[in-house]
Amino acid sequence: MMNLFRLLGDMTHLLCIVFLLLKIRTMKSCAGISLKTQELYVIVFLTRYLDLFTMYNSLYQIAMKLVFLGTSIGIVWYMRYHKVVKQTYSKDEDTFRHYFLVLPCFVLALFVHLDFTVVEVLWSFSLYLEAVAILPQLVLLQRSRNIDTLTGDYVFLLGVYRVLYLLNWVYRFFMEIHQIRWIPWVSGLIQTALYADFFYYYIKSWKNREKLKLPA
């Protein structure tokens, strides 16, 4: 069901993608962006949106799912294959072994899920993987000496989107479904907690009008 928190979360998610695409398209640069995080998001969306082929909820949901899936694949393509953009990729700093996150999340989904079906297991897997997908990006930012404004704004808005989705679940619990949904709640809390340190330094740099810099 749609509510204000979910709508704001979706719009914030769209906005952070616009910031990232704006950086890549106008600056012809992906410096400071983790290809590994972007690849994990492709896996997240591919496994979460299998219901595009099995279920119809609304035109809005179909459109949003196609946008998130298409843009995530497009971003990875730019970073890997665009003749100019790929040369700006911070490969030496983007060293987090992101594929090591995939197997533990999949194993967890096999044991902790709503229903033992392909769609439900992959949906749970996508939530677990999304919770930790930002780790390569945060590690890259810690190693970067120069974090440009668009990159900082992108990561900040990505974190805000998760906070809004948590509020969406709280709202739905009290106003609609009255059910505890441990998988999205715990995954969302973990994901939001990973942003806490970044939020602190982002807000601090904005308040002091300083260049954003994370401690090593």
N, C-alpha and C. Protein backbone atom coordinates (compact mmCIF):
# COMPACT_ATOMS: atom_id res chain seq x y z
N MET A 1 0.84 -1.20 0.00
CA MET A 1 0.00 0.00 0.00
C MET A 1 0.88 1.25 0.00
N MET A 2 0.41 2.31 -0.71
CA MET A 2 1.16 3.54 -0.81
C MET A 2 0.83 4.46 0.36
N ASN A 3 1.83 5.10 0.93
CA ASN A 3 1.65 6.13 1.93
C ASN A 3 2.74 7.17 1.71
N LEU A 4 2.68 8.25 2.48
CA LEU A 4 3.59 9.37 2.25
C LEU A 4 5.05 8.96 2.39
N PHE A 5 5.35 8.13 3.41
CA PHE A 5 6.74 7.74 3.63
C PHE A 5 7.29 6.90 2.47
N ARG A 6 6.45 6.00 1.98
CA ARG A 6 6.91 5.18 0.84
C ARG A 6 7.07 6.04 -0.41
N LEU A 7 6.13 6.95 -0.64
CA LEU A 7 6.24 7.83 -1.81
C LEU A 7 7.50 8.69 -1.73
N LEU A 8 7.75 9.28 -0.55
CA LEU A 8 8.96 10.08 -0.38
C LEU A 8 10.21 9.23 -0.52
N GLY A 9 10.15 7.98 -0.03
CA GLY A 9 11.28 7.07 -0.18
C GLY A 9 11.58 6.77 -1.64
N ASP A 10 10.53 6.49 -2.41
CA ASP A 10 10.71 6.22 -3.84
C ASP A 10 11.27 7.44 -4.56
N MET A 11 10.72 8.62 -4.25
CA MET A 11 11.20 9.84 -4.92
C MET A 11 12.63 10.17 -4.54
N THR A 12 12.99 9.89 -3.29
CA THR A 12 14.38 10.11 -2.86
C THR A 12 15.31 9.14 -3.55
N HIS A 13 14.86 7.90 -3.70
CA HIS A 13 15.66 6.90 -4.41
C HIS A 13 15.86 7.34 -5.86
N LEU A 14 14.81 7.81 -6.49
CA LEU A 14 14.93 8.31 -7.86
C LEU A 14 15.89 9.49 -7.93
N LEU A 15 15.80 10.38 -6.95
CA LEU A 15 16.64 11.57 -6.95
C LEU A 15 18.11 11.21 -6.82
N CYS A 16 18.43 10.22 -5.98
CA CYS A 16 19.84 9.84 -5.81
C CYS A 16 20.37 9.21 -7.09
N ILE A 17 19.53 8.50 -7.82
CA ILE A 17 19.94 7.95 -9.11
C ILE A 17 20.17 9.07 -10.11
N VAL A 18 19.31 10.10 -10.07
CA VAL A 18 19.49 11.27 -10.95
C VAL A 18 20.83 11.94 -10.66
N PHE A 19 21.19 12.09 -9.38
CA PHE A 19 22.48 12.67 -9.01
C PHE A 19 23.62 11.86 -9.60
N LEU A 20 23.52 10.54 -9.50
CA LEU A 20 24.59 9.68 -10.00
C LEU A 20 24.69 9.75 -11.52
N LEU A 21 23.55 9.66 -12.20
CA LEU A 21 23.56 9.74 -13.66
C LEU A 21 24.01 11.12 -14.13
N LEU A 22 23.65 12.16 -13.38
CA LEU A 22 24.09 13.52 -13.72
C LEU A 22 25.61 13.61 -13.66
N LYS A 23 26.18 13.02 -12.64
CA LYS A 23 27.64 13.01 -12.52
C LYS A 23 28.28 12.27 -13.69
N ILE A 24 27.74 11.11 -14.01
CA ILE A 24 28.34 10.28 -15.07
C ILE A 24 28.13 10.91 -16.45
N ARG A 25 26.92 11.42 -16.70
CA ARG A 25 26.59 11.93 -18.04
C ARG A 25 27.23 13.28 -18.31
N THR A 26 27.18 14.20 -17.34
CA THR A 26 27.66 15.55 -17.59
C THR A 26 29.15 15.69 -17.35
N MET A 27 29.66 15.02 -16.33
CA MET A 27 31.09 15.12 -16.01
C MET A 27 31.91 14.04 -16.70
N LYS A 28 31.21 13.05 -17.31
CA LYS A 28 31.90 11.91 -17.93
C LYS A 28 32.89 11.29 -16.95
N SER A 29 32.42 11.13 -15.72
CA SER A 29 33.29 10.62 -14.66
C SER A 29 32.50 9.77 -13.68
N CYS A 30 33.13 8.70 -13.22
CA CYS A 30 32.55 7.88 -12.15
C CYS A 30 33.53 7.80 -10.98
N ALA A 31 34.44 8.78 -10.91
CA ALA A 31 35.42 8.80 -9.82
C ALA A 31 34.69 8.85 -8.48
N GLY A 32 35.10 8.03 -7.55
CA GLY A 32 34.49 8.00 -6.23
C GLY A 32 33.27 7.11 -6.13
N ILE A 33 32.85 6.52 -7.25
CA ILE A 33 31.70 5.62 -7.26
C ILE A 33 32.20 4.18 -7.31
N SER A 34 31.65 3.35 -6.45
CA SER A 34 32.06 1.94 -6.38
C SER A 34 31.30 1.11 -7.41
N LEU A 35 32.02 0.59 -8.37
CA LEU A 35 31.41 -0.33 -9.35
C LEU A 35 30.87 -1.56 -8.63
N LYS A 36 31.53 -1.98 -7.58
CA LYS A 36 31.12 -3.19 -6.88
C LYS A 36 29.77 -3.01 -6.18
N THR A 37 29.56 -1.85 -5.60
CA THR A 37 28.25 -1.56 -5.02
C THR A 37 27.18 -1.53 -6.11
N GLN A 38 27.49 -0.93 -7.25
CA GLN A 38 26.52 -0.85 -8.34
C GLN A 38 26.20 -2.24 -8.88
N GLU A 39 27.18 -3.12 -8.95
CA GLU A 39 26.93 -4.49 -9.41
C GLU A 39 26.04 -5.24 -8.42
N LEU A 40 26.25 -4.99 -7.14
CA LEU A 40 25.41 -5.63 -6.13
C LEU A 40 23.96 -5.15 -6.26
N TYR A 41 23.77 -3.88 -6.56
CA TYR A 41 22.41 -3.37 -6.74
C TYR A 41 21.73 -4.00 -7.96
N VAL A 42 22.48 -4.28 -9.01
CA VAL A 42 21.90 -4.99 -10.15
C VAL A 42 21.38 -6.35 -9.71
N ILE A 43 22.18 -7.06 -8.92
CA ILE A 43 21.75 -8.37 -8.42
C ILE A 43 20.52 -8.23 -7.53
N VAL A 44 20.51 -7.19 -6.68
CA VAL A 44 19.37 -6.94 -5.80
C VAL A 44 18.09 -6.76 -6.60
N PHE A 45 18.13 -5.90 -7.61
CA PHE A 45 16.92 -5.61 -8.37
C PHE A 45 16.50 -6.78 -9.26
N LEU A 46 17.46 -7.49 -9.82
CA LEU A 46 17.12 -8.64 -10.66
C LEU A 46 16.40 -9.72 -9.85
N THR A 47 16.83 -9.95 -8.62
CA THR A 47 16.23 -11.00 -7.80
C THR A 47 14.96 -10.53 -7.10
N ARG A 48 14.82 -9.22 -6.88
CA ARG A 48 13.63 -8.72 -6.19
C ARG A 48 12.44 -8.54 -7.12
N TYR A 49 12.71 -8.22 -8.35
CA TYR A 49 11.62 -7.86 -9.25
C TYR A 49 11.22 -8.98 -10.20
N LEU A 50 11.40 -10.21 -9.76
CA LEU A 50 10.89 -11.34 -10.53
C LEU A 50 9.38 -11.31 -10.67
N ASP A 51 8.72 -10.65 -9.71
CA ASP A 51 7.25 -10.61 -9.77
C ASP A 51 6.74 -9.74 -10.91
N LEU A 52 7.64 -9.05 -11.61
CA LEU A 52 7.23 -8.33 -12.81
C LEU A 52 6.59 -9.28 -13.83
N PHE A 53 7.03 -10.54 -13.78
CA PHE A 53 6.55 -11.53 -14.74
C PHE A 53 5.41 -12.39 -14.20
N THR A 54 5.11 -12.26 -12.91
CA THR A 54 4.12 -13.15 -12.30
C THR A 54 2.94 -12.43 -11.66
N MET A 55 3.08 -11.13 -11.41
CA MET A 55 2.06 -10.44 -10.63
C MET A 55 1.89 -9.00 -11.12
N TYR A 56 0.66 -8.52 -11.14
CA TYR A 56 0.39 -7.12 -11.48
C TYR A 56 -0.17 -6.42 -10.25
N ASN A 57 0.54 -5.39 -9.77
CA ASN A 57 0.06 -4.60 -8.64
C ASN A 57 -0.50 -3.26 -9.09
N SER A 58 0.33 -2.51 -9.80
CA SER A 58 -0.11 -1.21 -10.31
C SER A 58 0.87 -0.75 -11.38
N LEU A 59 0.42 0.16 -12.21
CA LEU A 59 1.30 0.71 -13.24
C LEU A 59 2.46 1.46 -12.61
N TYR A 60 2.20 2.12 -11.46
CA TYR A 60 3.25 2.85 -10.74
C TYR A 60 4.37 1.91 -10.33
N GLN A 61 4.01 0.77 -9.73
CA GLN A 61 5.03 -0.17 -9.27
C GLN A 61 5.82 -0.76 -10.43
N ILE A 62 5.14 -1.08 -11.51
CA ILE A 62 5.83 -1.62 -12.69
C ILE A 62 6.83 -0.60 -13.22
N ALA A 63 6.38 0.66 -13.33
CA ALA A 63 7.24 1.71 -13.86
C ALA A 63 8.47 1.91 -12.96
N MET A 64 8.27 1.95 -11.65
CA MET A 64 9.37 2.18 -10.72
C MET A 64 10.37 1.02 -10.77
N LYS A 65 9.86 -0.19 -10.82
CA LYS A 65 10.75 -1.35 -10.87
C LYS A 65 11.58 -1.35 -12.15
N LEU A 66 10.96 -1.02 -13.27
CA LEU A 66 11.69 -0.97 -14.53
C LEU A 66 12.73 0.14 -14.53
N VAL A 67 12.40 1.27 -13.91
CA VAL A 67 13.36 2.38 -13.83
C VAL A 67 14.56 1.99 -12.99
N PHE A 68 14.33 1.42 -11.80
CA PHE A 68 15.44 1.05 -10.92
C PHE A 68 16.30 -0.03 -11.56
N LEU A 69 15.66 -1.00 -12.18
CA LEU A 69 16.41 -2.08 -12.82
C LEU A 69 17.20 -1.55 -14.02
N GLY A 70 16.54 -0.77 -14.86
CA GLY A 70 17.19 -0.26 -16.06
C GLY A 70 18.34 0.68 -15.75
N THR A 71 18.15 1.59 -14.79
CA THR A 71 19.21 2.54 -14.47
C THR A 71 20.40 1.86 -13.80
N SER A 72 20.14 0.86 -12.97
CA SER A 72 21.26 0.16 -12.32
C SER A 72 22.11 -0.58 -13.33
N ILE A 73 21.47 -1.21 -14.31
CA ILE A 73 22.21 -1.89 -15.38
C ILE A 73 22.96 -0.86 -16.24
N GLY A 74 22.30 0.27 -16.51
CA GLY A 74 22.93 1.31 -17.30
C GLY A 74 24.15 1.90 -16.63
N ILE A 75 24.09 2.11 -15.33
CA ILE A 75 25.23 2.66 -14.59
C ILE A 75 26.42 1.71 -14.64
N VAL A 76 26.16 0.42 -14.44
CA VAL A 76 27.24 -0.57 -14.52
C VAL A 76 27.84 -0.58 -15.93
N TRP A 77 26.98 -0.48 -16.95
CA TRP A 77 27.49 -0.45 -18.33
C TRP A 77 28.41 0.74 -18.55
N TYR A 78 27.99 1.92 -18.10
CA TYR A 78 28.82 3.11 -18.24
C TYR A 78 30.18 2.92 -17.57
N MET A 79 30.17 2.38 -16.36
CA MET A 79 31.41 2.26 -15.59
C MET A 79 32.34 1.20 -16.17
N ARG A 80 31.76 0.20 -16.80
CA ARG A 80 32.59 -0.88 -17.35
C ARG A 80 33.00 -0.65 -18.80
N TYR A 81 32.12 -0.05 -19.60
CA TYR A 81 32.35 -0.08 -21.05
C TYR A 81 32.42 1.27 -21.75
N HIS A 82 31.92 2.34 -21.15
CA HIS A 82 32.00 3.63 -21.81
C HIS A 82 33.46 4.05 -21.93
N LYS A 83 33.90 4.42 -23.10
CA LYS A 83 35.32 4.61 -23.36
C LYS A 83 35.94 5.75 -22.54
N VAL A 84 35.11 6.75 -22.16
CA VAL A 84 35.62 7.85 -21.35
C VAL A 84 35.39 7.60 -19.86
N VAL A 85 34.16 7.25 -19.52
CA VAL A 85 33.79 7.08 -18.11
C VAL A 85 34.61 6.00 -17.44
N LYS A 86 34.83 4.87 -18.10
CA LYS A 86 35.55 3.76 -17.47
C LYS A 86 36.98 4.12 -17.09
N GLN A 87 37.56 5.12 -17.75
CA GLN A 87 38.92 5.52 -17.44
C GLN A 87 39.00 6.30 -16.14
N THR A 88 37.86 6.78 -15.64
CA THR A 88 37.85 7.55 -14.39
C THR A 88 37.52 6.68 -13.17
N TYR A 89 37.25 5.41 -13.41
CA TYR A 89 36.88 4.50 -12.32
C TYR A 89 38.05 4.32 -11.36
N SER A 90 37.78 4.46 -10.08
CA SER A 90 38.81 4.36 -9.03
C SER A 90 39.07 2.91 -8.66
N LYS A 91 39.62 2.16 -9.60
CA LYS A 91 39.79 0.72 -9.43
C LYS A 91 40.73 0.39 -8.28
N ASP A 92 41.80 1.15 -8.12
CA ASP A 92 42.78 0.86 -7.07
C ASP A 92 42.23 1.07 -5.68
N GLU A 93 41.17 1.89 -5.56
CA GLU A 93 40.58 2.16 -4.25
C GLU A 93 39.33 1.32 -4.00
N ASP A 94 38.74 0.80 -5.06
CA ASP A 94 37.52 0.00 -4.94
C ASP A 94 37.90 -1.48 -4.83
N THR A 95 38.44 -1.85 -3.68
CA THR A 95 39.04 -3.17 -3.51
C THR A 95 38.23 -4.12 -2.63
N PHE A 96 37.07 -3.67 -2.16
CA PHE A 96 36.23 -4.53 -1.31
C PHE A 96 35.79 -5.76 -2.11
N ARG A 97 35.96 -6.94 -1.54
CA ARG A 97 35.59 -8.17 -2.24
C ARG A 97 34.09 -8.41 -2.09
N HIS A 98 33.36 -7.76 -2.98
CA HIS A 98 31.91 -7.71 -2.83
C HIS A 98 31.22 -9.04 -3.06
N TYR A 99 31.81 -9.92 -3.87
CA TYR A 99 31.17 -11.21 -4.13
C TYR A 99 31.13 -12.09 -2.88
N PHE A 100 31.96 -11.78 -1.90
CA PHE A 100 31.92 -12.53 -0.64
C PHE A 100 30.65 -12.22 0.15
N LEU A 101 29.95 -11.14 -0.22
CA LEU A 101 28.69 -10.81 0.45
C LEU A 101 27.52 -11.62 -0.10
N VAL A 102 27.65 -12.05 -1.34
CA VAL A 102 26.52 -12.68 -2.04
C VAL A 102 26.18 -14.04 -1.44
N LEU A 103 27.17 -14.90 -1.29
CA LEU A 103 26.91 -16.27 -0.81
C LEU A 103 26.31 -16.29 0.60
N PRO A 104 26.87 -15.57 1.59
CA PRO A 104 26.25 -15.59 2.93
C PRO A 104 24.81 -15.09 2.91
N CYS A 105 24.52 -14.07 2.10
CA CYS A 105 23.15 -13.55 2.02
C CYS A 105 22.21 -14.58 1.41
N PHE A 106 22.70 -15.31 0.42
CA PHE A 106 21.87 -16.34 -0.21
C PHE A 106 21.61 -17.50 0.75
N VAL A 107 22.64 -17.94 1.46
CA VAL A 107 22.48 -19.02 2.43
C VAL A 107 21.49 -18.61 3.52
N LEU A 108 21.61 -17.36 3.99
CA LEU A 108 20.68 -16.86 5.00
C LEU A 108 19.25 -16.88 4.48
N ALA A 109 19.07 -16.50 3.20
CA ALA A 109 17.74 -16.49 2.61
C ALA A 109 17.15 -17.89 2.52
N LEU A 110 18.00 -18.90 2.33
CA LEU A 110 17.51 -20.28 2.27
C LEU A 110 16.92 -20.74 3.60
N PHE A 111 17.42 -20.15 4.69
CA PHE A 111 16.97 -20.57 6.02
C PHE A 111 15.96 -19.60 6.64
N VAL A 112 16.06 -18.32 6.29
CA VAL A 112 15.17 -17.32 6.88
C VAL A 112 14.40 -16.63 5.75
N HIS A 113 13.14 -17.00 5.58
CA HIS A 113 12.31 -16.49 4.50
C HIS A 113 10.85 -16.59 4.92
N LEU A 114 9.99 -15.97 4.15
CA LEU A 114 8.56 -16.04 4.45
C LEU A 114 7.94 -17.34 3.98
N ASP A 115 8.40 -17.82 2.83
CA ASP A 115 7.86 -19.04 2.26
C ASP A 115 8.94 -19.66 1.38
N PHE A 116 9.05 -20.99 1.41
CA PHE A 116 10.12 -21.65 0.66
C PHE A 116 9.70 -21.83 -0.80
N THR A 117 9.68 -20.71 -1.51
CA THR A 117 9.45 -20.70 -2.95
C THR A 117 10.58 -19.90 -3.58
N VAL A 118 10.76 -20.06 -4.87
CA VAL A 118 11.86 -19.35 -5.56
C VAL A 118 11.71 -17.84 -5.40
N VAL A 119 10.49 -17.34 -5.63
CA VAL A 119 10.27 -15.90 -5.56
C VAL A 119 10.52 -15.36 -4.16
N GLU A 120 10.02 -16.05 -3.12
CA GLU A 120 10.16 -15.57 -1.75
C GLU A 120 11.60 -15.66 -1.26
N VAL A 121 12.29 -16.74 -1.60
CA VAL A 121 13.70 -16.88 -1.19
C VAL A 121 14.54 -15.80 -1.84
N LEU A 122 14.35 -15.54 -3.12
CA LEU A 122 15.12 -14.52 -3.81
C LEU A 122 14.75 -13.12 -3.32
N TRP A 123 13.47 -12.93 -2.95
CA TRP A 123 13.07 -11.65 -2.37
C TRP A 123 13.81 -11.42 -1.05
N SER A 124 13.86 -12.45 -0.20
CA SER A 124 14.59 -12.32 1.07
C SER A 124 16.07 -12.08 0.81
N PHE A 125 16.63 -12.81 -0.15
CA PHE A 125 18.04 -12.64 -0.52
C PHE A 125 18.31 -11.20 -0.95
N SER A 126 17.40 -10.61 -1.73
CA SER A 126 17.61 -9.25 -2.21
C SER A 126 17.63 -8.25 -1.05
N LEU A 127 16.81 -8.47 -0.03
CA LEU A 127 16.79 -7.58 1.13
C LEU A 127 18.08 -7.71 1.93
N TYR A 128 18.53 -8.94 2.14
CA TYR A 128 19.78 -9.13 2.88
C TYR A 128 20.95 -8.52 2.13
N LEU A 129 20.98 -8.72 0.82
CA LEU A 129 22.11 -8.20 0.03
C LEU A 129 22.07 -6.67 -0.04
N GLU A 130 20.87 -6.10 -0.18
CA GLU A 130 20.78 -4.64 -0.22
C GLU A 130 21.25 -4.02 1.09
N ALA A 131 21.03 -4.72 2.20
CA ALA A 131 21.43 -4.20 3.50
C ALA A 131 22.93 -3.94 3.59
N VAL A 132 23.72 -4.75 2.87
CA VAL A 132 25.18 -4.63 2.96
C VAL A 132 25.82 -4.15 1.65
N ALA A 133 25.01 -3.90 0.62
CA ALA A 133 25.55 -3.54 -0.69
C ALA A 133 26.31 -2.22 -0.67
N ILE A 134 26.03 -1.35 0.29
CA ILE A 134 26.68 -0.05 0.36
C ILE A 134 28.10 -0.15 0.91
N LEU A 135 28.48 -1.28 1.50
CA LEU A 135 29.79 -1.40 2.12
C LEU A 135 30.95 -1.08 1.18
N PRO A 136 31.00 -1.63 -0.04
CA PRO A 136 32.11 -1.25 -0.95
C PRO A 136 32.17 0.25 -1.21
N GLN A 137 31.01 0.89 -1.33
CA GLN A 137 30.98 2.34 -1.57
C GLN A 137 31.53 3.11 -0.38
N LEU A 138 31.14 2.72 0.83
CA LEU A 138 31.62 3.41 2.03
C LEU A 138 33.12 3.22 2.21
N VAL A 139 33.61 2.02 1.93
CA VAL A 139 35.06 1.77 2.02
C VAL A 139 35.81 2.62 1.00
N LEU A 140 35.26 2.70 -0.21
CA LEU A 140 35.89 3.53 -1.25
C LEU A 140 35.95 4.99 -0.83
N LEU A 141 34.88 5.51 -0.24
CA LEU A 141 34.86 6.90 0.19
C LEU A 141 35.88 7.16 1.29
N GLN A 142 36.07 6.17 2.17
CA GLN A 142 37.08 6.32 3.22
C GLN A 142 38.49 6.43 2.63
N ARG A 143 38.71 5.79 1.50
CA ARG A 143 40.03 5.80 0.88
C ARG A 143 40.22 6.96 -0.08
N SER A 144 39.12 7.65 -0.41
CA SER A 144 39.20 8.76 -1.37
C SER A 144 39.64 10.04 -0.66
N ARG A 145 40.59 10.72 -1.25
CA ARG A 145 41.03 11.99 -0.69
C ARG A 145 40.12 13.13 -1.12
N ASN A 146 39.42 12.95 -2.22
CA ASN A 146 38.58 14.01 -2.76
C ASN A 146 37.20 13.46 -3.08
N ILE A 147 36.22 13.74 -2.23
CA ILE A 147 34.85 13.31 -2.44
C ILE A 147 34.08 14.48 -3.02
N ASP A 148 33.69 14.38 -4.30
CA ASP A 148 32.98 15.50 -4.91
C ASP A 148 31.56 15.59 -4.39
N THR A 149 30.95 16.74 -4.61
CA THR A 149 29.63 17.04 -4.05
C THR A 149 28.56 16.07 -4.52
N LEU A 150 28.54 15.76 -5.83
CA LEU A 150 27.51 14.88 -6.37
C LEU A 150 27.61 13.48 -5.77
N THR A 151 28.83 12.98 -5.56
CA THR A 151 29.00 11.66 -4.96
C THR A 151 28.50 11.65 -3.53
N GLY A 152 28.86 12.68 -2.77
CA GLY A 152 28.39 12.78 -1.39
C GLY A 152 26.89 12.88 -1.30
N ASP A 153 26.29 13.68 -2.20
CA ASP A 153 24.83 13.82 -2.21
C ASP A 153 24.16 12.50 -2.59
N TYR A 154 24.75 11.79 -3.53
CA TYR A 154 24.19 10.50 -3.95
C TYR A 154 24.12 9.52 -2.77
N VAL A 155 25.21 9.37 -2.05
CA VAL A 155 25.24 8.42 -0.93
C VAL A 155 24.31 8.89 0.19
N PHE A 156 24.27 10.18 0.44
CA PHE A 156 23.39 10.71 1.49
C PHE A 156 21.92 10.43 1.16
N LEU A 157 21.52 10.70 -0.07
CA LEU A 157 20.13 10.46 -0.46
C LEU A 157 19.79 8.98 -0.46
N LEU A 158 20.78 8.15 -0.77
CA LEU A 158 20.55 6.70 -0.72
C LEU A 158 20.26 6.27 0.71
N GLY A 159 20.95 6.87 1.67
CA GLY A 159 20.68 6.57 3.07
C GLY A 159 19.34 7.11 3.53
N VAL A 160 18.97 8.31 3.08
CA VAL A 160 17.68 8.90 3.43
C VAL A 160 16.53 8.03 2.91
N TYR A 161 16.72 7.51 1.71
CA TYR A 161 15.70 6.61 1.14
C TYR A 161 15.44 5.43 2.06
N ARG A 162 16.50 4.85 2.63
CA ARG A 162 16.31 3.71 3.52
C ARG A 162 15.61 4.12 4.81
N VAL A 163 15.95 5.29 5.35
CA VAL A 163 15.29 5.78 6.57
C VAL A 163 13.79 5.96 6.32
N LEU A 164 13.46 6.52 5.17
CA LEU A 164 12.04 6.74 4.83
C LEU A 164 11.29 5.41 4.68
N TYR A 165 11.98 4.41 4.13
CA TYR A 165 11.32 3.11 3.99
C TYR A 165 11.11 2.44 5.35
N LEU A 166 12.02 2.67 6.29
CA LEU A 166 11.79 2.18 7.65
C LEU A 166 10.56 2.84 8.26
N LEU A 167 10.44 4.14 8.08
CA LEU A 167 9.27 4.85 8.58
C LEU A 167 8.00 4.35 7.90
N ASN A 168 8.12 3.97 6.64
CA ASN A 168 7.00 3.38 5.92
C ASN A 168 6.52 2.10 6.60
N TRP A 169 7.46 1.24 7.02
CA TRP A 169 7.08 0.00 7.67
C TRP A 169 6.47 0.26 9.05
N VAL A 170 6.99 1.25 9.77
CA VAL A 170 6.42 1.61 11.07
C VAL A 170 4.99 2.11 10.89
N TYR A 171 4.81 2.97 9.90
CA TYR A 171 3.47 3.50 9.62
C TYR A 171 2.51 2.37 9.27
N ARG A 172 2.93 1.47 8.42
CA ARG A 172 2.06 0.38 8.00
C ARG A 172 1.72 -0.54 9.17
N PHE A 173 2.65 -0.73 10.08
CA PHE A 173 2.39 -1.59 11.24
C PHE A 173 1.25 -1.01 12.08
N PHE A 174 1.29 0.28 12.32
CA PHE A 174 0.29 0.89 13.20
C PHE A 174 -1.02 1.23 12.48
N MET A 175 -0.94 1.52 11.18
CA MET A 175 -2.12 2.02 10.48
C MET A 175 -2.76 1.00 9.54
N GLU A 176 -2.04 -0.08 9.15
CA GLU A 176 -2.59 -0.96 8.14
C GLU A 176 -2.55 -2.44 8.53
N ILE A 177 -1.35 -3.04 8.50
CA ILE A 177 -1.28 -4.50 8.55
C ILE A 177 -1.15 -5.06 9.96
N HIS A 178 -0.63 -4.28 10.91
CA HIS A 178 -0.46 -4.73 12.30
C HIS A 178 0.29 -6.06 12.38
N GLN A 179 1.28 -6.22 11.51
CA GLN A 179 2.08 -7.45 11.52
C GLN A 179 3.56 -7.10 11.63
N ILE A 180 4.28 -7.91 12.39
CA ILE A 180 5.72 -7.74 12.49
C ILE A 180 6.36 -8.46 11.31
N ARG A 181 7.12 -7.74 10.50
CA ARG A 181 7.79 -8.32 9.33
C ARG A 181 9.30 -8.20 9.55
N TRP A 182 9.84 -9.25 10.19
CA TRP A 182 11.21 -9.20 10.66
C TRP A 182 12.22 -9.02 9.53
N ILE A 183 12.00 -9.65 8.40
CA ILE A 183 13.01 -9.62 7.33
C ILE A 183 13.24 -8.19 6.82
N PRO A 184 12.22 -7.46 6.36
CA PRO A 184 12.49 -6.09 5.91
C PRO A 184 12.87 -5.15 7.04
N TRP A 185 12.31 -5.36 8.24
CA TRP A 185 12.63 -4.47 9.34
C TRP A 185 14.09 -4.58 9.76
N VAL A 186 14.54 -5.79 10.04
CA VAL A 186 15.92 -5.98 10.51
C VAL A 186 16.91 -5.61 9.41
N SER A 187 16.61 -6.01 8.17
CA SER A 187 17.49 -5.66 7.05
C SER A 187 17.60 -4.14 6.90
N GLY A 188 16.45 -3.47 7.01
CA GLY A 188 16.44 -2.02 6.90
C GLY A 188 17.19 -1.34 8.02
N LEU A 189 17.06 -1.86 9.24
CA LEU A 189 17.78 -1.29 10.37
C LEU A 189 19.28 -1.44 10.22
N ILE A 190 19.72 -2.61 9.78
CA ILE A 190 21.15 -2.84 9.56
C ILE A 190 21.68 -1.90 8.48
N GLN A 191 20.93 -1.79 7.40
CA GLN A 191 21.36 -0.93 6.30
C GLN A 191 21.44 0.53 6.75
N THR A 192 20.43 0.98 7.49
CA THR A 192 20.44 2.37 7.97
C THR A 192 21.59 2.61 8.94
N ALA A 193 21.88 1.63 9.79
CA ALA A 193 22.98 1.77 10.74
C ALA A 193 24.32 1.93 10.04
N LEU A 194 24.48 1.27 8.89
CA LEU A 194 25.73 1.39 8.15
C LEU A 194 25.95 2.81 7.63
N TYR A 195 24.87 3.54 7.45
CA TYR A 195 24.99 4.92 6.97
C TYR A 195 25.25 5.92 8.10
N ALA A 196 25.10 5.52 9.34
CA ALA A 196 25.11 6.46 10.46
C ALA A 196 26.39 7.29 10.49
N ASP A 197 27.53 6.66 10.34
CA ASP A 197 28.81 7.37 10.38
C ASP A 197 28.90 8.36 9.23
N PHE A 198 28.47 7.92 8.04
CA PHE A 198 28.51 8.81 6.87
C PHE A 198 27.60 10.00 7.09
N PHE A 199 26.38 9.78 7.63
CA PHE A 199 25.45 10.87 7.90
C PHE A 199 26.11 11.93 8.79
N TYR A 200 26.81 11.47 9.82
CA TYR A 200 27.43 12.39 10.76
C TYR A 200 28.42 13.31 10.05
N TYR A 201 29.32 12.73 9.26
CA TYR A 201 30.34 13.54 8.60
C TYR A 201 29.77 14.36 7.45
N TYR A 202 28.74 13.87 6.80
CA TYR A 202 28.09 14.63 5.72
C TYR A 202 27.43 15.89 6.30
N ILE A 203 26.64 15.71 7.36
CA ILE A 203 25.95 16.85 7.98
C ILE A 203 26.96 17.82 8.59
N LYS A 204 28.02 17.28 9.18
CA LYS A 204 29.06 18.12 9.76
C LYS A 204 29.74 18.97 8.69
N SER A 205 30.08 18.36 7.56
CA SER A 205 30.74 19.11 6.48
C SER A 205 29.80 20.16 5.89
N TRP A 206 28.50 19.82 5.76
CA TRP A 206 27.52 20.78 5.25
C TRP A 206 27.34 21.95 6.21
N LYS A 207 27.27 21.65 7.51
CA LYS A 207 27.08 22.69 8.51
C LYS A 207 28.27 23.64 8.56
N ASN A 208 29.47 23.09 8.46
CA ASN A 208 30.69 23.89 8.54
C ASN A 208 31.16 24.41 7.19
N ARG A 209 30.40 24.03 6.13
CA ARG A 209 30.75 24.41 4.75
C ARG A 209 32.18 23.97 4.41
N GLU A 210 32.45 22.73 4.74
CA GLU A 210 33.76 22.16 4.48
C GLU A 210 33.63 21.04 3.44
N LYS A 211 34.75 20.66 2.87
CA LYS A 211 34.79 19.53 1.95
C LYS A 211 34.52 18.25 2.73
N LEU A 212 33.67 17.38 2.17
CA LEU A 212 33.36 16.13 2.84
C LEU A 212 34.57 15.21 2.84
N LYS A 213 34.90 14.71 4.01
CA LYS A 213 36.03 13.80 4.14
C LYS A 213 35.72 12.81 5.25
N LEU A 214 35.86 11.52 4.97
CA LEU A 214 35.61 10.49 5.97
C LEU A 214 36.92 10.05 6.59
N PRO A 215 36.91 9.70 7.89
CA PRO A 215 38.14 9.22 8.53
C PRO A 215 38.56 7.88 7.97
N ALA A 216 39.84 7.64 7.85
CA ALA A 216 40.35 6.39 7.31
C ALA A 216 40.07 5.26 8.28
